């Protein structure tokens, strides 16, 4: 009896069948592995984008709250403590409670009612907020958007300023002011005796592609606080049929 005529054991597999099954299984595992890690990479990228979006929304929300809480500017001739809680709205403040540091100022001192009132500090809701562009701490050529907050507006000594980093990877940021007819990048309430009709905040983040520069993100906040000067201007505009 030859080897070819030997009866085959029931339920067994030949070597060729095992090799084929191994190759097919390896191919299926390879496909599953590629699909899984592709989905995982997409999930991580999506989560990173969501996190970045939440950070941007939080920063824009803080800017909006600070602008919505603006207080009427005090008299330019008032002497402290009179007018301490209602300072001037100037793109380049002449007198500032905010501690200057190694950064570029991009906003006026905003006297705003966004301070937290609780039993842990003696301060009111009025605080001074200013925005700066500070050098990045990661060694890149970008900058950080910093929110500088001063709570104690009646300091005995030099007031302390709390620096809060809102955004990283910033290339530019600016505030513009609407006077009712056009936008301008300067404002001085000691000359206008009023606040702008609206304030626009624009921030540009670093682009991931050097060939596609990032578009600025803009936020426009109307200023609803009415001063005597703005009320007179509105009344004059109404009397002239809408022309200031």
C-alpha atoms as a PDB file:
ATOM      1  CA  UNK A   1       0.000   0.000   0.000  1.00  0.00           C
ATOM      2  CA  UNK A   2       1.428   3.368  -1.030  1.00  0.00           C
ATOM      3  CA  UNK A   3       1.293   6.659   0.881  1.00  0.00           C
ATOM      4  CA  UNK A   4      -1.130   8.093  -1.691  1.00  0.00           C
ATOM      5  CA  UNK A   5      -3.610   5.318  -0.997  1.00  0.00           C
ATOM      6  CA  UNK A   6      -3.564   5.774   2.797  1.00  0.00           C
ATOM      7  CA  UNK A   7      -6.975   6.795   4.140  1.00  0.00           C
ATOM      8  CA  UNK A   8      -7.270  10.488   5.239  1.00  0.00           C
ATOM      9  CA  UNK A   9      -8.161  11.097   8.870  1.00  0.00           C
ATOM     10  CA  UNK A  10     -11.652  12.506   9.281  1.00  0.00           C
ATOM     11  CA  UNK A  11     -11.807  16.244  10.287  1.00  0.00           C
ATOM     12  CA  UNK A  12      -8.159  16.995   9.513  1.00  0.00           C
ATOM     13  CA  UNK A  13      -6.667  19.842   7.415  1.00  0.00           C
ATOM     14  CA  UNK A  14      -3.848  19.705   5.003  1.00  0.00           C
ATOM     15  CA  UNK A  15      -0.845  21.965   5.328  1.00  0.00           C
ATOM     16  CA  UNK A  16      -1.977  23.935   2.298  1.00  0.00           C
ATOM     17  CA  UNK A  17      -5.375  24.587   3.842  1.00  0.00           C
ATOM     18  CA  UNK A  18      -3.758  25.805   7.064  1.00  0.00           C
ATOM     19  CA  UNK A  19      -1.488  28.171   5.133  1.00  0.00           C
ATOM     20  CA  UNK A  20      -4.424  29.568   3.169  1.00  0.00           C
ATOM     21  CA  UNK A  21      -6.467  30.066   6.365  1.00  0.00           C
ATOM     22  CA  UNK A  22      -3.491  31.794   8.035  1.00  0.00           C
ATOM     23  CA  UNK A  23      -3.018  34.184   5.089  1.00  0.00           C
ATOM     24  CA  UNK A  24      -6.733  35.037   4.975  1.00  0.00           C
ATOM     25  CA  UNK A  25      -6.839  35.603   8.744  1.00  0.00           C
ATOM     26  CA  UNK A  26      -3.753  37.818   8.599  1.00  0.00           C
ATOM     27  CA  UNK A  27      -5.300  39.854   5.767  1.00  0.00           C
ATOM     28  CA  UNK A  28      -8.542  40.303   7.745  1.00  0.00           C
ATOM     29  CA  UNK A  29      -6.593  41.383  10.845  1.00  0.00           C
ATOM     30  CA  UNK A  30      -4.618  43.826   8.718  1.00  0.00           C
ATOM     31  CA  UNK A  31      -7.814  45.386   7.381  1.00  0.00           C
ATOM     32  CA  UNK A  32      -9.319  45.572  10.867  1.00  0.00           C
ATOM     33  CA  UNK A  33      -6.116  47.099  12.247  1.00  0.00           C
ATOM     34  CA  UNK A  34      -6.014  49.770   9.534  1.00  0.00           C
ATOM     35  CA  UNK A  35      -9.692  50.611  10.009  1.00  0.00           C
ATOM     36  CA  UNK A  36      -9.390  50.773  13.793  1.00  0.00           C
ATOM     37  CA  UNK A  37      -6.322  52.995  13.898  1.00  0.00           C
ATOM     38  CA  UNK A  38      -7.729  55.187  11.126  1.00  0.00           C
ATOM     39  CA  UNK A  39     -10.909  55.689  13.134  1.00  0.00           C
ATOM     40  CA  UNK A  40      -8.854  56.296  16.295  1.00  0.00           C
ATOM     41  CA  UNK A  41      -6.727  58.926  14.541  1.00  0.00           C
ATOM     42  CA  UNK A  42      -9.848  60.631  13.188  1.00  0.00           C
ATOM     43  CA  UNK A  43     -11.413  60.581  16.656  1.00  0.00           C
ATOM     44  CA  UNK A  44      -8.302  62.139  18.221  1.00  0.00           C
ATOM     45  CA  UNK A  45      -8.160  64.834  15.538  1.00  0.00           C
ATOM     46  CA  UNK A  46     -11.840  65.626  15.996  1.00  0.00           C
ATOM     47  CA  UNK A  47     -11.451  65.787  19.771  1.00  0.00           C
ATOM     48  CA  UNK A  48      -8.476  68.140  19.412  1.00  0.00           C
ATOM     49  CA  UNK A  49     -10.508  70.419  17.132  1.00  0.00           C
ATOM     50  CA  UNK A  50     -13.416  70.385  19.583  1.00  0.00           C
ATOM     51  CA  UNK A  51     -11.076  71.254  22.459  1.00  0.00           C
ATOM     52  CA  UNK A  52      -9.547  74.120  20.464  1.00  0.00           C
ATOM     53  CA  UNK A  53     -13.013  75.369  19.556  1.00  0.00           C
ATOM     54  CA  UNK A  54     -14.083  75.311  23.211  1.00  0.00           C
ATOM     55  CA  UNK A  55     -11.001  77.320  24.200  1.00  0.00           C
ATOM     56  CA  UNK A  56     -11.745  79.912  21.499  1.00  0.00           C
ATOM     57  CA  UNK A  57     -15.400  80.121  22.493  1.00  0.00           C
ATOM     58  CA  UNK A  58     -14.442  80.607  26.137  1.00  0.00           C
ATOM     59  CA  UNK A  59     -12.005  83.391  25.242  1.00  0.00           C
ATOM     60  CA  UNK A  60     -14.538  85.160  23.017  1.00  0.00           C
ATOM     61  CA  UNK A  61     -17.166  84.748  25.720  1.00  0.00           C
ATOM     62  CA  UNK A  62     -14.953  86.491  28.268  1.00  0.00           C
ATOM     63  CA  UNK A  63     -14.249  89.355  25.861  1.00  0.00           C
ATOM     64  CA  UNK A  64     -17.979  89.695  25.149  1.00  0.00           C
ATOM     65  CA  UNK A  65     -18.847  89.780  28.869  1.00  0.00           C
ATOM     66  CA  UNK A  66     -16.181  92.391  29.576  1.00  0.00           C
ATOM     67  CA  UNK A  67     -17.479  94.643  26.784  1.00  0.00           C
ATOM     68  CA  UNK A  68     -21.130  94.141  27.700  1.00  0.00           C
ATOM     69  CA  UNK A  69     -20.338  95.174  31.277  1.00  0.00           C
ATOM     70  CA  UNK A  70     -18.621  98.468  30.405  1.00  0.00           C
ATOM     71  CA  UNK A  71     -19.259 101.334  32.785  1.00  0.00           C
ATOM     72  CA  UNK A  72     -19.744 104.984  31.969  1.00  0.00           C
ATOM     73  CA  UNK A  73     -16.448 106.890  31.903  1.00  0.00           C
ATOM     74  CA  UNK A  74     -15.976 109.290  34.786  1.00  0.00           C
ATOM     75  CA  UNK A  75     -15.178 112.963  34.541  1.00  0.00           C
ATOM     76  CA  UNK A  76     -11.680 113.611  33.157  1.00  0.00           C
ATOM     77  CA  UNK A  77     -11.133 116.233  35.868  1.00  0.00           C
ATOM     78  CA  UNK A  78     -12.218 114.020  38.785  1.00  0.00           C
ATOM     79  CA  UNK A  79      -9.578 113.315  41.412  1.00  0.00           C
ATOM     80  CA  UNK A  80      -9.359 109.968  43.245  1.00  0.00           C
ATOM     81  CA  UNK A  81     -11.211 108.395  44.885  1.00  0.00           C
ATOM     82  CA  UNK A  82     -13.913 110.112  42.822  1.00  0.00           C
ATOM     83  CA  UNK A  83     -14.096 108.333  39.456  1.00  0.00           C
ATOM     84  CA  UNK A  84     -11.988 105.415  40.641  1.00  0.00           C
ATOM     85  CA  UNK A  85     -14.714 102.941  39.702  1.00  0.00           C
ATOM     86  CA  UNK A  86     -15.424 104.596  36.347  1.00  0.00           C
ATOM     87  CA  UNK A  87     -12.158 105.329  34.583  1.00  0.00           C
ATOM     88  CA  UNK A  88     -11.624 106.647  31.087  1.00  0.00           C
ATOM     89  CA  UNK A  89     -11.999 104.531  27.951  1.00  0.00           C
ATOM     90  CA  UNK A  90      -8.706 105.150  26.114  1.00  0.00           C
ATOM     91  CA  UNK A  91      -6.922 102.866  23.680  1.00  0.00           C
ATOM     92  CA  UNK A  92      -3.687 104.163  25.236  1.00  0.00           C
ATOM     93  CA  UNK A  93      -4.464 104.884  28.899  1.00  0.00           C
ATOM     94  CA  UNK A  94      -2.740 107.879  30.442  1.00  0.00           C
ATOM     95  CA  UNK A  95      -3.244 106.496  33.961  1.00  0.00           C
ATOM     96  CA  UNK A  96      -3.663 102.768  34.402  1.00  0.00           C
ATOM     97  CA  UNK A  97      -4.148 100.495  37.407  1.00  0.00           C
ATOM     98  CA  UNK A  98      -3.081  97.531  35.286  1.00  0.00           C
ATOM     99  CA  UNK A  99       0.476  96.420  35.916  1.00  0.00           C
ATOM    100  CA  UNK A 100       2.399  96.613  32.667  1.00  0.00           C
ATOM    101  CA  UNK A 101       4.534  93.607  31.762  1.00  0.00           C
ATOM    102  CA  UNK A 102       6.572  92.347  28.820  1.00  0.00           C
ATOM    103  CA  UNK A 103       3.680  92.330  26.400  1.00  0.00           C
ATOM    104  CA  UNK A 104       1.888  94.473  23.822  1.00  0.00           C
ATOM    105  CA  UNK A 105      -1.323  96.150  24.929  1.00  0.00           C
ATOM    106  CA  UNK A 106      -4.206  95.662  22.492  1.00  0.00           C
ATOM    107  CA  UNK A 107      -7.140  97.067  24.475  1.00  0.00           C
ATOM    108  CA  UNK A 108      -8.047 100.002  26.683  1.00  0.00           C
ATOM    109  CA  UNK A 109      -8.506  99.578  30.409  1.00  0.00           C
ATOM    110  CA  UNK A 110     -12.044  98.219  30.513  1.00  0.00           C
ATOM    111  CA  UNK A 111     -13.912  99.268  33.651  1.00  0.00           C
ATOM    112  CA  UNK A 112     -16.461  96.489  33.669  1.00  0.00           C
ATOM    113  CA  UNK A 113     -18.932  94.828  36.024  1.00  0.00           C
ATOM    114  CA  UNK A 114     -17.793  91.249  35.453  1.00  0.00           C
ATOM    115  CA  UNK A 115     -16.028  90.709  38.760  1.00  0.00           C
ATOM    116  CA  UNK A 116     -17.203  87.758  40.848  1.00  0.00           C
ATOM    117  CA  UNK A 117     -18.800  88.710  44.147  1.00  0.00           C
ATOM    118  CA  UNK A 118     -18.488  86.090  46.869  1.00  0.00           C
ATOM    119  CA  UNK A 119     -17.583  85.701  50.506  1.00  0.00           C
ATOM    120  CA  UNK A 120     -13.916  85.027  49.798  1.00  0.00           C
ATOM    121  CA  UNK A 121     -12.803  88.500  48.735  1.00  0.00           C
ATOM    122  CA  UNK A 122     -13.772  92.046  49.726  1.00  0.00           C
ATOM    123  CA  UNK A 123     -14.070  93.405  46.183  1.00  0.00           C
ATOM    124  CA  UNK A 124     -17.143  94.553  44.297  1.00  0.00           C
ATOM    125  CA  UNK A 125     -18.225  93.447  40.832  1.00  0.00           C
ATOM    126  CA  UNK A 126     -16.338  96.379  39.282  1.00  0.00           C
ATOM    127  CA  UNK A 127     -12.897  95.461  37.977  1.00  0.00           C
ATOM    128  CA  UNK A 128     -10.387  96.690  35.415  1.00  0.00           C
ATOM    129  CA  UNK A 129      -9.642  94.335  32.529  1.00  0.00           C
ATOM    130  CA  UNK A 130      -7.051  94.811  29.793  1.00  0.00           C
ATOM    131  CA  UNK A 131      -5.865  92.526  27.000  1.00  0.00           C
ATOM    132  CA  UNK A 132      -2.263  91.994  25.950  1.00  0.00           C
ATOM    133  CA  UNK A 133      -0.247  89.922  23.495  1.00  0.00           C
ATOM    134  CA  UNK A 134       2.602  88.253  25.364  1.00  0.00           C
ATOM    135  CA  UNK A 135       5.494  86.245  23.883  1.00  0.00           C
ATOM    136  CA  UNK A 136       4.784  82.528  23.540  1.00  0.00           C
ATOM    137  CA  UNK A 137       6.321  80.242  26.116  1.00  0.00           C
ATOM    138  CA  UNK A 138       6.737  77.259  23.756  1.00  0.00           C
ATOM    139  CA  UNK A 139       9.573  78.798  21.730  1.00  0.00           C
ATOM    140  CA  UNK A 140       7.415  79.516  18.666  1.00  0.00           C
ATOM    141  CA  UNK A 141       7.036  82.849  16.865  1.00  0.00           C
ATOM    142  CA  UNK A 142       3.414  83.160  17.977  1.00  0.00           C
ATOM    143  CA  UNK A 143       2.065  85.006  20.992  1.00  0.00           C
ATOM    144  CA  UNK A 144      -0.408  84.420  23.806  1.00  0.00           C
ATOM    145  CA  UNK A 145      -3.558  86.432  24.353  1.00  0.00           C
ATOM    146  CA  UNK A 146      -3.482  87.474  28.009  1.00  0.00           C
ATOM    147  CA  UNK A 147      -6.356  88.913  30.036  1.00  0.00           C
ATOM    148  CA  UNK A 148      -5.049  91.112  32.850  1.00  0.00           C
ATOM    149  CA  UNK A 149      -7.543  91.626  35.684  1.00  0.00           C
ATOM    150  CA  UNK A 150      -7.228  94.149  38.536  1.00  0.00           C
ATOM    151  CA  UNK A 151      -9.828  93.672  41.288  1.00  0.00           C
ATOM    152  CA  UNK A 152      -8.619  96.114  43.941  1.00  0.00           C
ATOM    153  CA  UNK A 153      -9.415  99.581  42.585  1.00  0.00           C
ATOM    154  CA  UNK A 154      -8.556 101.330  45.868  1.00  0.00           C
ATOM    155  CA  UNK A 155      -5.080  99.939  46.547  1.00  0.00           C
ATOM    156  CA  UNK A 156      -2.955 101.280  49.351  1.00  0.00           C
ATOM    157  CA  UNK A 157       0.162 100.149  47.508  1.00  0.00           C
ATOM    158  CA  UNK A 158       0.751  98.989  43.936  1.00  0.00           C
ATOM    159  CA  UNK A 159      -2.345  97.056  42.787  1.00  0.00           C
ATOM    160  CA  UNK A 160      -1.953  93.388  41.922  1.00  0.00           C
ATOM    161  CA  UNK A 161      -2.903  92.257  38.441  1.00  0.00           C
ATOM    162  CA  UNK A 162      -3.974  88.701  37.714  1.00  0.00           C
ATOM    163  CA  UNK A 163      -2.729  87.507  34.319  1.00  0.00           C
ATOM    164  CA  UNK A 164      -4.886  84.886  32.583  1.00  0.00           C
ATOM    165  CA  UNK A 165      -3.716  83.250  29.355  1.00  0.00           C
ATOM    166  CA  UNK A 166      -6.798  82.812  27.154  1.00  0.00           C
ATOM    167  CA  UNK A 167      -5.339  81.745  23.804  1.00  0.00           C
ATOM    168  CA  UNK A 168      -2.012  80.450  22.528  1.00  0.00           C
ATOM    169  CA  UNK A 169      -0.728  80.407  18.967  1.00  0.00           C
ATOM    170  CA  UNK A 170      -1.943  83.957  18.266  1.00  0.00           C
ATOM    171  CA  UNK A 171      -0.365  86.010  15.490  1.00  0.00           C
ATOM    172  CA  UNK A 172      -2.387  89.212  15.863  1.00  0.00           C
ATOM    173  CA  UNK A 173      -5.196  90.759  17.910  1.00  0.00           C
ATOM    174  CA  UNK A 174      -6.806  94.188  17.926  1.00  0.00           C
ATOM    175  CA  UNK A 175      -9.781  96.209  19.127  1.00  0.00           C
ATOM    176  CA  UNK A 176     -11.658  98.627  16.849  1.00  0.00           C
ATOM    177  CA  UNK A 177     -14.310 101.169  17.804  1.00  0.00           C
ATOM    178  CA  UNK A 178     -17.466 102.239  15.943  1.00  0.00           C
ATOM    179  CA  UNK A 179     -18.533 105.855  16.344  1.00  0.00           C
ATOM    180  CA  UNK A 180     -21.868 105.407  14.573  1.00  0.00           C
ATOM    181  CA  UNK A 181     -20.575 105.984  11.064  1.00  0.00           C
ATOM    182  CA  UNK A 182     -17.206 104.241  10.743  1.00  0.00           C
ATOM    183  CA  UNK A 183     -14.686 102.011  12.492  1.00  0.00           C
ATOM    184  CA  UNK A 184     -11.512 103.428  14.002  1.00  0.00           C
ATOM    185  CA  UNK A 185      -8.612 101.820  15.875  1.00  0.00           C
ATOM    186  CA  UNK A 186      -8.315 104.632  18.428  1.00  0.00           C
ATOM    187  CA  UNK A 187     -10.668 106.025  21.060  1.00  0.00           C
ATOM    188  CA  UNK A 188     -10.313 108.527  23.882  1.00  0.00           C
ATOM    189  CA  UNK A 189     -13.325 109.254  26.075  1.00  0.00           C
ATOM    190  CA  UNK A 190     -11.620 112.380  27.464  1.00  0.00           C
ATOM    191  CA  UNK A 191     -12.097 113.890  23.997  1.00  0.00           C
ATOM    192  CA  UNK A 192     -15.373 112.287  22.928  1.00  0.00           C
ATOM    193  CA  UNK A 193     -17.006 112.320  26.407  1.00  0.00           C
ATOM    194  CA  UNK A 194     -18.690 109.061  25.474  1.00  0.00           C
ATOM    195  CA  UNK A 195     -18.193 105.402  24.668  1.00  0.00           C
ATOM    196  CA  UNK A 196     -18.150 103.948  21.148  1.00  0.00           C
ATOM    197  CA  UNK A 197     -21.414 102.601  19.748  1.00  0.00           C
ATOM    198  CA  UNK A 198     -19.806  99.188  19.310  1.00  0.00           C
ATOM    199  CA  UNK A 199     -16.465  97.480  19.810  1.00  0.00           C
ATOM    200  CA  UNK A 200     -14.982  94.891  17.466  1.00  0.00           C
ATOM    201  CA  UNK A 201     -12.422  92.375  18.675  1.00  0.00           C
ATOM    202  CA  UNK A 202     -10.387  90.505  16.064  1.00  0.00           C
ATOM    203  CA  UNK A 203      -7.884  87.730  16.697  1.00  0.00           C
ATOM    204  CA  UNK A 204      -5.826  85.766  14.191  1.00  0.00           C
ATOM    205  CA  UNK A 205      -4.453  82.345  15.057  1.00  0.00           C
ATOM    206  CA  UNK A 206      -1.427  80.686  13.472  1.00  0.00           C
ATOM    207  CA  UNK A 207      -2.292  78.668  10.388  1.00  0.00           C
ATOM    208  CA  UNK A 208      -1.420  74.995  10.139  1.00  0.00           C
ATOM    209  CA  UNK A 209      -0.425  75.512   6.495  1.00  0.00           C
ATOM    210  CA  UNK A 210       2.035  78.237   5.429  1.00  0.00           C
ATOM    211  CA  UNK A 211       0.291  78.446   2.052  1.00  0.00           C
ATOM    212  CA  UNK A 212      -3.104  79.159   3.598  1.00  0.00           C
ATOM    213  CA  UNK A 213      -3.007  82.081   6.038  1.00  0.00           C
ATOM    214  CA  UNK A 214      -5.689  81.916   8.715  1.00  0.00           C
ATOM    215  CA  UNK A 215      -8.596  84.338   8.549  1.00  0.00           C
ATOM    216  CA  UNK A 216      -9.169  86.525  11.618  1.00  0.00           C
ATOM    217  CA  UNK A 217     -11.956  85.657  14.036  1.00  0.00           C
ATOM    218  CA  UNK A 218     -14.090  88.731  14.732  1.00  0.00           C
ATOM    219  CA  UNK A 219     -16.499  89.545  17.528  1.00  0.00           C
ATOM    220  CA  UNK A 220     -18.690  92.678  17.442  1.00  0.00           C
ATOM    221  CA  UNK A 221     -20.317  93.793  20.689  1.00  0.00           C
ATOM    222  CA  UNK A 222     -22.714  96.753  20.762  1.00  0.00           C
ATOM    223  CA  UNK A 223     -22.181  99.134  23.676  1.00  0.00           C
ATOM    224  CA  UNK A 224     -25.588  99.779  25.207  1.00  0.00           C
ATOM    225  CA  UNK A 225     -24.395 102.247  27.854  1.00  0.00           C
ATOM    226  CA  UNK A 226     -25.742 105.708  27.025  1.00  0.00           C
ATOM    227  CA  UNK A 227     -23.805 108.801  28.006  1.00  0.00           C
ATOM    228  CA  UNK A 228     -25.000 112.386  27.863  1.00  0.00           C
ATOM    229  CA  UNK A 229     -22.932 113.007  24.752  1.00  0.00           C
ATOM    230  CA  UNK A 230     -24.232 109.912  22.953  1.00  0.00           C
ATOM    231  CA  UNK A 231     -27.820 110.774  23.931  1.00  0.00           C
ATOM    232  CA  UNK A 232     -27.403 114.274  22.477  1.00  0.00           C
ATOM    233  CA  UNK A 233     -25.886 112.832  19.301  1.00  0.00           C
ATOM    234  CA  UNK A 234     -28.780 110.383  18.945  1.00  0.00           C
ATOM    235  CA  UNK A 235     -31.339 113.165  19.498  1.00  0.00           C
ATOM    236  CA  UNK A 236     -29.607 115.345  16.923  1.00  0.00           C
ATOM    237  CA  UNK A 237     -29.495 112.483  14.445  1.00  0.00           C
ATOM    238  CA  UNK A 238     -33.207 111.852  14.982  1.00  0.00           C
ATOM    239  CA  UNK A 239     -33.997 115.538  14.470  1.00  0.00           C
ATOM    240  CA  UNK A 240     -31.953 115.576  11.256  1.00  0.00           C
ATOM    241  CA  UNK A 241     -33.702 112.543   9.888  1.00  0.00           C
ATOM    242  CA  UNK A 242     -31.020 110.024  10.846  1.00  0.00           C
ATOM    243  CA  UNK A 243     -27.976 112.130   9.940  1.00  0.00           C
ATOM    244  CA  UNK A 244     -25.670 112.910  12.879  1.00  0.00           C
END
